[in-house]
């Protein structure tokens, strides 16, 4: 199904811009300080960066999670609310988002799990679809943990859209990562991989009429001060400023339909 293009078309320049300047500004210094190491050390360093430069995804199954109980899931389905599938940002920001949605008379059930990439999040969506059925609106707040393997995202977006069908709307928050705890090379890789993920989402939006992108990365890129104010570590929203900004974009998207 071809997508009806709305008034906002994703800017590839903005997708790549968010965080690049901040990350690149430290590359020269970081390179100058690096001393040549042994071949073994160099190999270990390359392995630690993973195939795409951002590192390797660690075990996430024991990290923090927030999953609605069966009663809340069924109430949300029966009242045609919102099912949310997220990662650590969802764990952090989900309660505040739920309060805002409840004020609008919209129920929400969440399946948020820190450290989780897209594939197991879509697994959870598939499980809920089979066990409970789905409401009209699905919120996907995942993708940040796919900077380690960005090519995996496209197939999972297609899989998501296949699960939900043509009659439901999927809201997908795009990603911005340039983690401040890491060195300049990793920051640049994070940003490059974030943009790669976001371009896959933008391309998918052209294929699916019922896919809505929540433009978090573009929002951060649109002002030079937003990265520092709205992200606390180059990835997670600051509280309350970043949290309010990101949740606000989600609310606006849901209200727009």
Protein backbone atom coordinates (compact mmCIF):
# COMPACT_ATOMS: atom_id res chain seq x y z
CA UNK A 1 0.00 0.00 0.00
CA UNK A 2 1.45 3.37 -0.98
CA UNK A 3 1.75 5.99 1.70
CA UNK A 4 -0.11 9.26 1.43
CA UNK A 5 2.66 11.76 2.04
CA UNK A 6 1.73 14.40 4.57
CA UNK A 7 2.97 17.94 4.89
CA UNK A 8 6.06 16.87 6.84
CA UNK A 9 8.62 14.87 4.91
CA UNK A 10 11.64 13.58 6.84
CA UNK A 11 14.81 15.57 6.13
CA UNK A 12 17.84 13.38 5.53
CA UNK A 13 20.04 16.31 6.47
CA UNK A 14 18.34 16.65 9.85
CA UNK A 15 18.42 12.90 10.41
CA UNK A 16 22.20 12.96 10.10
CA UNK A 17 22.71 16.32 11.79
CA UNK A 18 21.54 15.58 15.34
CA UNK A 19 24.59 15.06 17.47
CA UNK A 20 27.13 14.89 14.65
CA UNK A 21 28.75 18.22 15.42
CA UNK A 22 29.08 17.44 19.12
CA UNK A 23 30.49 14.01 18.44
CA UNK A 24 32.84 15.06 15.65
CA UNK A 25 34.26 17.96 17.65
CA UNK A 26 36.06 15.51 19.93
CA UNK A 27 37.37 13.17 17.25
CA UNK A 28 40.58 15.07 16.60
CA UNK A 29 41.44 15.23 20.29
CA UNK A 30 40.64 11.59 20.79
CA UNK A 31 42.75 10.58 17.81
CA UNK A 32 45.70 12.63 18.97
CA UNK A 33 45.67 11.01 22.40
CA UNK A 34 45.51 7.45 21.10
CA UNK A 35 48.85 5.67 21.08
CA UNK A 36 49.54 2.74 18.79
CA UNK A 37 48.95 -0.58 20.57
CA UNK A 38 49.95 -4.16 19.99
CA UNK A 39 48.16 -6.17 17.27
CA UNK A 40 46.29 -8.06 19.98
CA UNK A 41 45.15 -4.83 21.58
CA UNK A 42 44.06 -3.44 18.23
CA UNK A 43 42.07 -6.59 17.48
CA UNK A 44 40.40 -6.45 20.88
CA UNK A 45 39.51 -2.82 20.27
CA UNK A 46 37.93 -3.59 16.91
CA UNK A 47 35.94 -6.46 18.38
CA UNK A 48 34.68 -4.24 21.20
CA UNK A 49 33.35 -1.77 18.63
CA UNK A 50 31.32 -4.48 16.90
CA UNK A 51 30.57 -4.62 13.21
CA UNK A 52 29.10 -1.12 13.05
CA UNK A 53 31.30 0.85 15.45
CA UNK A 54 28.81 1.33 18.31
CA UNK A 55 29.85 -1.76 20.23
CA UNK A 56 27.98 -4.98 20.90
CA UNK A 57 24.55 -5.31 22.47
CA UNK A 58 24.86 -6.87 25.91
CA UNK A 59 22.44 -9.18 27.67
CA UNK A 60 19.23 -7.27 28.27
CA UNK A 61 16.87 -9.94 29.59
CA UNK A 62 17.57 -9.13 33.26
CA UNK A 63 17.35 -5.38 32.92
CA UNK A 64 14.52 -3.24 34.24
CA UNK A 65 11.11 -3.73 32.72
CA UNK A 66 7.57 -2.41 33.05
CA UNK A 67 4.84 -4.70 31.71
CA UNK A 68 1.14 -4.18 32.28
CA UNK A 69 -0.84 -6.93 33.96
CA UNK A 70 -3.44 -8.92 32.08
CA UNK A 71 -6.30 -6.87 33.45
CA UNK A 72 -4.82 -3.62 32.18
CA UNK A 73 -4.04 -5.18 28.81
CA UNK A 74 -7.60 -6.38 28.39
CA UNK A 75 -9.08 -3.05 29.54
CA UNK A 76 -6.91 -1.21 27.04
CA UNK A 77 -7.95 -3.54 24.26
CA UNK A 78 -11.64 -3.27 25.17
CA UNK A 79 -11.52 0.54 25.34
CA UNK A 80 -9.45 0.75 22.14
CA UNK A 81 -6.55 2.48 23.86
CA UNK A 82 -2.85 2.25 23.03
CA UNK A 83 -0.47 -0.70 23.26
CA UNK A 84 3.11 0.48 23.81
CA UNK A 85 6.27 -1.53 23.20
CA UNK A 86 9.46 0.16 24.36
CA UNK A 87 12.98 -0.04 25.74
CA UNK A 88 14.69 1.80 28.60
CA UNK A 89 13.30 5.12 27.40
CA UNK A 90 9.84 3.60 27.68
CA UNK A 91 10.62 2.29 31.17
CA UNK A 92 11.67 5.80 32.20
CA UNK A 93 9.06 7.88 30.37
CA UNK A 94 6.13 5.46 30.19
CA UNK A 95 4.48 6.37 33.51
CA UNK A 96 4.43 10.08 32.65
CA UNK A 97 3.07 9.29 29.18
CA UNK A 98 0.34 7.11 30.71
CA UNK A 99 -0.75 9.96 32.98
CA UNK A 100 -1.01 12.33 30.03
CA UNK A 101 -2.97 9.84 27.95
CA UNK A 102 -5.29 9.07 30.84
CA UNK A 103 -6.06 12.78 31.12
CA UNK A 104 -7.21 12.59 27.50
CA UNK A 105 -9.36 9.58 28.28
CA UNK A 106 -7.02 7.17 26.49
CA UNK A 107 -5.97 3.96 28.23
CA UNK A 108 -2.54 2.44 27.69
CA UNK A 109 -0.93 -0.94 28.27
CA UNK A 110 2.85 -1.16 28.11
CA UNK A 111 5.50 -3.76 27.41
CA UNK A 112 8.70 -1.81 28.08
CA UNK A 113 12.03 -3.52 28.65
CA UNK A 114 15.39 -1.79 29.07
CA UNK A 115 18.13 -2.78 26.64
CA UNK A 116 15.74 -4.55 24.27
CA UNK A 117 16.21 -4.17 20.50
CA UNK A 118 13.44 -4.18 17.93
CA UNK A 119 13.16 -7.90 17.19
CA UNK A 120 12.06 -9.11 20.66
CA UNK A 121 9.80 -6.07 20.98
CA UNK A 122 8.00 -7.18 17.83
CA UNK A 123 7.90 -10.69 19.30
CA UNK A 124 6.02 -9.21 22.27
CA UNK A 125 3.64 -7.40 19.92
CA UNK A 126 2.95 -10.64 18.11
CA UNK A 127 2.27 -12.45 21.40
CA UNK A 128 -0.20 -9.79 22.57
CA UNK A 129 -1.90 -9.80 19.18
CA UNK A 130 -2.49 -13.53 19.45
CA UNK A 131 -3.45 -13.58 23.13
CA UNK A 132 -5.51 -10.40 23.46
CA UNK A 133 -6.07 -8.89 20.05
CA UNK A 134 -4.89 -5.37 19.27
CA UNK A 135 -6.41 -1.91 19.76
CA UNK A 136 -6.52 0.59 16.92
CA UNK A 137 -3.26 2.30 17.99
CA UNK A 138 0.18 0.76 18.53
CA UNK A 139 3.14 2.76 19.83
CA UNK A 140 6.63 1.46 19.03
CA UNK A 141 9.21 3.20 21.17
CA UNK A 142 12.14 0.99 20.17
CA UNK A 143 15.19 1.18 17.95
CA UNK A 144 17.83 2.82 20.14
CA UNK A 145 19.35 -0.56 20.96
CA UNK A 146 19.59 -1.39 17.28
CA UNK A 147 22.50 0.99 16.74
CA UNK A 148 24.62 -2.14 17.26
CA UNK A 149 22.99 -3.91 14.28
CA UNK A 150 21.08 -1.27 12.29
CA UNK A 151 20.29 -3.43 9.22
CA UNK A 152 17.93 -5.54 11.36
CA UNK A 153 15.33 -2.79 11.64
CA UNK A 154 13.76 -2.80 8.17
CA UNK A 155 12.54 -6.39 8.32
CA UNK A 156 11.10 -5.85 11.80
CA UNK A 157 9.18 -2.77 10.69
CA UNK A 158 7.71 -4.84 7.86
CA UNK A 159 6.91 -7.59 10.34
CA UNK A 160 5.20 -5.10 12.66
CA UNK A 161 3.03 -3.78 9.87
CA UNK A 162 2.11 -7.32 8.86
CA UNK A 163 1.02 -8.14 12.43
CA UNK A 164 -1.13 -5.04 12.88
CA UNK A 165 -2.71 -5.10 9.41
CA UNK A 166 -4.03 -2.19 7.37
CA UNK A 167 -6.76 -0.98 9.72
CA UNK A 168 -4.59 -0.03 12.71
CA UNK A 169 -2.14 2.83 13.13
CA UNK A 170 1.46 2.34 14.22
CA UNK A 171 3.27 5.29 15.79
CA UNK A 172 7.04 4.75 15.74
CA UNK A 173 9.43 7.10 17.57
CA UNK A 174 12.66 7.49 15.66
CA UNK A 175 16.00 7.48 17.44
CA UNK A 176 18.91 9.67 18.41
CA UNK A 177 22.06 8.29 20.01
CA UNK A 178 25.52 9.74 20.54
CA UNK A 179 26.32 8.37 23.98
CA UNK A 180 28.42 10.76 26.02
CA UNK A 181 29.96 8.01 28.17
CA UNK A 182 31.87 6.72 25.15
CA UNK A 183 34.75 8.04 23.09
CA UNK A 184 34.44 10.17 19.96
CA UNK A 185 34.62 7.30 17.49
CA UNK A 186 31.72 5.53 19.18
CA UNK A 187 29.70 8.75 19.33
CA UNK A 188 30.09 9.25 15.61
CA UNK A 189 29.18 5.62 14.96
CA UNK A 190 26.13 5.98 17.22
CA UNK A 191 24.98 8.97 15.23
CA UNK A 192 25.61 7.32 11.89
CA UNK A 193 23.73 4.20 12.97
CA UNK A 194 20.86 6.25 14.39
CA UNK A 195 20.48 7.97 11.05
CA UNK A 196 20.60 4.61 9.28
CA UNK A 197 17.75 3.34 11.46
CA UNK A 198 15.75 6.51 10.91
CA UNK A 199 16.14 6.34 7.16
CA UNK A 200 14.75 2.81 7.24
CA UNK A 201 11.76 4.10 9.18
CA UNK A 202 11.30 7.00 6.75
CA UNK A 203 11.43 4.62 3.80
CA UNK A 204 8.93 2.31 5.49
CA UNK A 205 6.56 5.22 6.01
CA UNK A 206 6.42 5.61 2.25
CA UNK A 207 5.40 1.97 1.93
CA UNK A 208 2.72 1.92 4.63
CA UNK A 209 -0.18 4.31 4.75
CA UNK A 210 -0.84 3.53 8.44
CA UNK A 211 2.71 4.11 9.74
CA UNK A 212 3.33 7.41 11.54
CA UNK A 213 6.85 8.48 12.48
CA UNK A 214 7.28 10.53 15.67
CA UNK A 215 10.17 12.80 14.70
CA UNK A 216 12.25 12.84 17.89
CA UNK A 217 15.59 13.01 16.05
CA UNK A 218 14.50 15.95 13.93
CA UNK A 219 13.14 17.74 17.00
CA UNK A 220 16.53 17.41 18.67
CA UNK A 221 18.38 18.50 15.53
CA UNK A 222 16.28 21.59 14.96
CA UNK A 223 17.98 23.63 17.68
CA UNK A 224 21.67 23.63 18.68
CA UNK A 225 20.85 23.59 22.40
CA UNK A 226 18.34 20.76 22.43
CA UNK A 227 20.79 17.86 22.51
CA UNK A 228 22.38 19.11 25.72
CA UNK A 229 19.11 20.12 27.38
CA UNK A 230 16.84 17.27 26.34
CA UNK A 231 19.24 14.31 26.58
CA UNK A 232 21.00 13.44 29.82
CA UNK A 233 23.55 11.01 28.37
CA UNK A 234 23.33 11.41 24.63
CA UNK A 235 20.49 8.87 24.46
CA UNK A 236 17.93 8.99 27.28
CA UNK A 237 15.71 12.05 27.68
CA UNK A 238 16.46 14.33 30.58
CA UNK A 239 13.77 14.59 33.26
CA UNK A 240 11.57 16.52 33.10
CA UNK A 241 12.58 18.59 30.03
CA UNK A 242 13.46 15.84 27.59
CA UNK A 243 10.78 13.52 28.89
CA UNK A 244 8.11 16.19 28.46
CA UNK A 245 9.35 17.05 24.98
CA UNK A 246 9.43 13.47 23.73
CA UNK A 247 6.12 12.50 25.32
CA UNK A 248 4.62 15.69 23.92
CA UNK A 249 5.57 14.66 20.39
CA UNK A 250 3.97 11.26 20.96
CA UNK A 251 0.77 12.84 22.29
CA UNK A 252 0.59 15.21 19.32
CA UNK A 253 0.98 12.31 16.90
CA UNK A 254 -1.72 10.24 18.59
CA UNK A 255 -4.13 13.18 18.72
CA UNK A 256 -3.50 13.84 15.02
CA UNK A 257 -4.53 10.25 14.25
